Amino acid sequence: MWGGLRQISQRTISTASRRQLENRVAEKQKLFQEDNGLPVHLKGGLMDAMLYRLTMGLTVFGTAYVIYELYVASMPKKQK
């Protein structure tokens, strides 16, 4: 009873995944090997630039926050 259902589901999954995946390695190699003066971490386009800026922003914010917390921790609490 379940053998036919299993066979149909396996056939659907295997044929669907074959159609969706295509090898784009050659395109990516050409893009990243191009000599256009950009650093490799920004050659991917707009998304790479946005991720880079987000990472740098979080790093600056995190550094400033750590310095602030160290400053607060280094000041003694006032005794009442």
N, C-alpha and C. Protein backbone atom coordinates (compact mmCIF):
# COMPACT_ATOMS: atom_id res chain seq x y z
N MET A 1 0.82 -1.20 0.00
CA MET A 1 0.00 0.00 0.00
C MET A 1 0.86 1.26 0.00
N TRP A 2 1.84 1.35 0.91
CA TRP A 2 2.64 2.56 1.03
C TRP A 2 3.79 2.59 0.02
N GLY A 3 4.09 1.47 -0.59
CA GLY A 3 5.20 1.40 -1.54
C GLY A 3 4.99 2.32 -2.74
N GLY A 4 3.77 2.36 -3.26
CA GLY A 4 3.48 3.21 -4.41
C GLY A 4 3.59 4.69 -4.08
N LEU A 5 3.11 5.05 -2.89
CA LEU A 5 3.18 6.44 -2.45
C LEU A 5 4.64 6.87 -2.27
N ARG A 6 5.45 6.00 -1.67
CA ARG A 6 6.86 6.30 -1.45
C ARG A 6 7.57 6.49 -2.79
N GLN A 7 7.26 5.64 -3.77
CA GLN A 7 7.89 5.71 -5.08
C GLN A 7 7.53 7.02 -5.78
N ILE A 8 6.27 7.42 -5.70
CA ILE A 8 5.83 8.68 -6.32
C ILE A 8 6.51 9.88 -5.66
N SER A 9 6.57 9.89 -4.32
CA SER A 9 7.18 11.02 -3.64
C SER A 9 8.67 11.11 -3.92
N GLN A 10 9.36 9.98 -3.99
CA GLN A 10 10.79 10.01 -4.30
C GLN A 10 11.02 10.51 -5.72
N ARG A 11 10.20 10.09 -6.65
CA ARG A 11 10.35 10.51 -8.04
C ARG A 11 10.11 12.02 -8.15
N THR A 12 9.10 12.55 -7.46
CA THR A 12 8.79 13.97 -7.51
C THR A 12 9.92 14.80 -6.93
N ILE A 13 10.46 14.37 -5.80
CA ILE A 13 11.54 15.12 -5.16
C ILE A 13 12.79 15.10 -6.02
N SER A 14 13.16 13.95 -6.54
CA SER A 14 14.41 13.86 -7.29
C SER A 14 14.33 14.62 -8.61
N THR A 15 13.21 14.60 -9.31
CA THR A 15 13.12 15.33 -10.57
C THR A 15 12.99 16.83 -10.34
N ALA A 16 12.32 17.24 -9.26
CA ALA A 16 12.18 18.67 -8.97
C ALA A 16 13.52 19.28 -8.62
N SER A 17 14.32 18.58 -7.82
CA SER A 17 15.61 19.15 -7.42
C SER A 17 16.58 19.21 -8.60
N ARG A 18 16.50 18.27 -9.51
CA ARG A 18 17.38 18.29 -10.68
C ARG A 18 17.07 19.49 -11.58
N ARG A 19 15.81 19.84 -11.72
CA ARG A 19 15.44 20.96 -12.58
C ARG A 19 15.84 22.29 -11.98
N GLN A 20 15.80 22.44 -10.66
CA GLN A 20 16.05 23.73 -10.03
C GLN A 20 17.53 24.05 -9.94
N LEU A 21 18.38 23.06 -9.76
CA LEU A 21 19.79 23.30 -9.58
C LEU A 21 20.51 23.35 -10.92
N GLU A 22 21.26 24.42 -11.12
CA GLU A 22 22.10 24.47 -12.30
C GLU A 22 23.47 24.97 -11.86
N ASN A 23 24.48 24.51 -12.52
CA ASN A 23 25.84 24.82 -12.14
C ASN A 23 26.22 26.22 -12.61
N ARG A 24 26.43 27.12 -11.66
CA ARG A 24 26.82 28.49 -12.00
C ARG A 24 28.21 28.82 -11.48
N VAL A 25 29.01 27.80 -11.24
CA VAL A 25 30.36 28.01 -10.72
C VAL A 25 31.21 28.81 -11.70
N ALA A 26 31.11 28.50 -12.97
CA ALA A 26 31.92 29.21 -13.98
C ALA A 26 31.60 30.71 -13.98
N GLU A 27 30.31 31.05 -13.86
CA GLU A 27 29.92 32.47 -13.82
C GLU A 27 30.51 33.16 -12.59
N LYS A 28 30.42 32.51 -11.44
CA LYS A 28 30.95 33.09 -10.19
C LYS A 28 32.47 33.23 -10.26
N GLN A 29 33.16 32.23 -10.83
CA GLN A 29 34.61 32.32 -10.96
C GLN A 29 35.00 33.51 -11.83
N LYS A 30 34.29 33.69 -12.92
CA LYS A 30 34.58 34.81 -13.81
C LYS A 30 34.36 36.14 -13.09
N LEU A 31 33.28 36.24 -12.32
CA LEU A 31 32.97 37.45 -11.58
C LEU A 31 34.04 37.77 -10.55
N PHE A 32 34.45 36.77 -9.77
CA PHE A 32 35.39 37.02 -8.69
C PHE A 32 36.83 37.15 -9.16
N GLN A 33 37.17 36.64 -10.34
CA GLN A 33 38.53 36.75 -10.86
C GLN A 33 38.72 38.02 -11.70
N GLU A 34 37.65 38.72 -11.98
CA GLU A 34 37.71 39.95 -12.77
C GLU A 34 38.54 41.01 -12.03
N ASP A 35 39.43 41.68 -12.76
CA ASP A 35 40.29 42.69 -12.15
C ASP A 35 39.61 44.05 -12.29
N ASN A 36 38.76 44.39 -11.29
CA ASN A 36 38.05 45.66 -11.35
C ASN A 36 38.36 46.55 -10.15
N GLY A 37 39.38 46.21 -9.39
CA GLY A 37 39.81 47.05 -8.28
C GLY A 37 39.01 46.89 -7.00
N LEU A 38 37.97 46.08 -7.02
CA LEU A 38 37.17 45.86 -5.82
C LEU A 38 37.78 44.76 -4.97
N PRO A 39 37.72 44.91 -3.65
CA PRO A 39 38.15 43.79 -2.80
C PRO A 39 37.20 42.62 -2.97
N VAL A 40 37.69 41.42 -2.75
CA VAL A 40 36.91 40.21 -3.02
C VAL A 40 35.63 40.16 -2.19
N HIS A 41 35.63 40.74 -0.99
CA HIS A 41 34.43 40.66 -0.16
C HIS A 41 33.33 41.61 -0.63
N LEU A 42 33.60 42.45 -1.64
CA LEU A 42 32.56 43.34 -2.18
C LEU A 42 32.21 43.04 -3.63
N LYS A 43 32.82 42.02 -4.22
CA LYS A 43 32.59 41.72 -5.64
C LYS A 43 31.22 41.11 -5.90
N GLY A 44 30.51 40.68 -4.88
CA GLY A 44 29.21 40.04 -5.06
C GLY A 44 28.09 41.01 -5.38
N GLY A 45 28.33 42.31 -5.27
CA GLY A 45 27.31 43.28 -5.63
C GLY A 45 26.71 44.00 -4.43
N LEU A 46 25.49 44.44 -4.60
CA LEU A 46 24.79 45.26 -3.61
C LEU A 46 24.62 44.53 -2.28
N MET A 47 24.26 43.27 -2.32
CA MET A 47 24.05 42.51 -1.08
C MET A 47 25.34 42.41 -0.27
N ASP A 48 26.47 42.19 -0.94
CA ASP A 48 27.75 42.13 -0.23
C ASP A 48 28.07 43.48 0.40
N ALA A 49 27.82 44.56 -0.31
CA ALA A 49 28.08 45.89 0.24
C ALA A 49 27.20 46.17 1.46
N MET A 50 25.93 45.76 1.38
CA MET A 50 25.03 45.97 2.51
C MET A 50 25.45 45.13 3.73
N LEU A 51 25.82 43.88 3.49
CA LEU A 51 26.28 43.03 4.59
C LEU A 51 27.56 43.57 5.21
N TYR A 52 28.46 44.09 4.37
CA TYR A 52 29.71 44.67 4.86
C TYR A 52 29.42 45.88 5.75
N ARG A 53 28.54 46.77 5.28
CA ARG A 53 28.21 47.96 6.07
C ARG A 53 27.49 47.60 7.37
N LEU A 54 26.60 46.64 7.32
CA LEU A 54 25.92 46.18 8.52
C LEU A 54 26.92 45.61 9.52
N THR A 55 27.84 44.80 9.04
CA THR A 55 28.86 44.21 9.91
C THR A 55 29.74 45.29 10.53
N MET A 56 30.16 46.26 9.74
CA MET A 56 30.99 47.34 10.26
C MET A 56 30.21 48.18 11.28
N GLY A 57 28.95 48.45 10.99
CA GLY A 57 28.12 49.22 11.93
C GLY A 57 27.95 48.50 13.26
N LEU A 58 27.66 47.21 13.19
CA LEU A 58 27.52 46.43 14.43
C LEU A 58 28.83 46.36 15.20
N THR A 59 29.93 46.29 14.48
CA THR A 59 31.24 46.24 15.14
C THR A 59 31.54 47.55 15.85
N VAL A 60 31.28 48.68 15.19
CA VAL A 60 31.52 49.99 15.81
C VAL A 60 30.59 50.17 17.01
N PHE A 61 29.31 49.83 16.85
CA PHE A 61 28.37 49.94 17.95
C PHE A 61 28.78 49.06 19.12
N GLY A 62 29.14 47.82 18.83
CA GLY A 62 29.54 46.89 19.88
C GLY A 62 30.78 47.36 20.61
N THR A 63 31.75 47.89 19.88
CA THR A 63 32.97 48.41 20.51
C THR A 63 32.65 49.58 21.41
N ALA A 64 31.83 50.51 20.92
CA ALA A 64 31.45 51.68 21.72
C ALA A 64 30.68 51.24 22.98
N TYR A 65 29.81 50.27 22.84
CA TYR A 65 29.03 49.79 23.98
C TYR A 65 29.92 49.13 25.03
N VAL A 66 30.90 48.35 24.59
CA VAL A 66 31.83 47.71 25.52
C VAL A 66 32.65 48.75 26.26
N ILE A 67 33.11 49.77 25.55
CA ILE A 67 33.88 50.84 26.21
C ILE A 67 33.01 51.56 27.23
N TYR A 68 31.75 51.84 26.87
CA TYR A 68 30.83 52.49 27.81
C TYR A 68 30.63 51.63 29.05
N GLU A 69 30.38 50.34 28.86
CA GLU A 69 30.15 49.44 30.00
C GLU A 69 31.40 49.33 30.88
N LEU A 70 32.57 49.31 30.27
CA LEU A 70 33.81 49.29 31.06
C LEU A 70 33.95 50.57 31.87
N TYR A 71 33.59 51.69 31.28
CA TYR A 71 33.65 52.97 31.98
C TYR A 71 32.68 52.96 33.18
N VAL A 72 31.45 52.51 32.95
CA VAL A 72 30.45 52.45 34.02
C VAL A 72 30.91 51.49 35.13
N ALA A 73 31.49 50.36 34.75
CA ALA A 73 31.93 49.38 35.74
C ALA A 73 33.13 49.88 36.53
N SER A 74 33.91 50.77 35.96
CA SER A 74 35.11 51.24 36.64
C SER A 74 34.82 52.36 37.64
N MET A 75 33.64 52.97 37.56
CA MET A 75 33.28 54.03 38.48
C MET A 75 32.64 53.41 39.73
N PRO A 76 33.13 53.79 40.91
CA PRO A 76 32.54 53.23 42.12
C PRO A 76 31.13 53.77 42.36
N LYS A 77 30.28 52.94 42.91
CA LYS A 77 28.91 53.37 43.23
C LYS A 77 28.96 54.31 44.43
N LYS A 78 28.09 55.31 44.42
CA LYS A 78 28.05 56.25 45.56
C LYS A 78 27.38 55.57 46.75
N GLN A 79 27.98 55.75 47.92
CA GLN A 79 27.41 55.19 49.15
C GLN A 79 26.38 56.16 49.71
N LYS A 80 25.24 55.66 50.14
CA LYS A 80 24.20 56.53 50.70
C LYS A 80 24.33 56.63 52.19
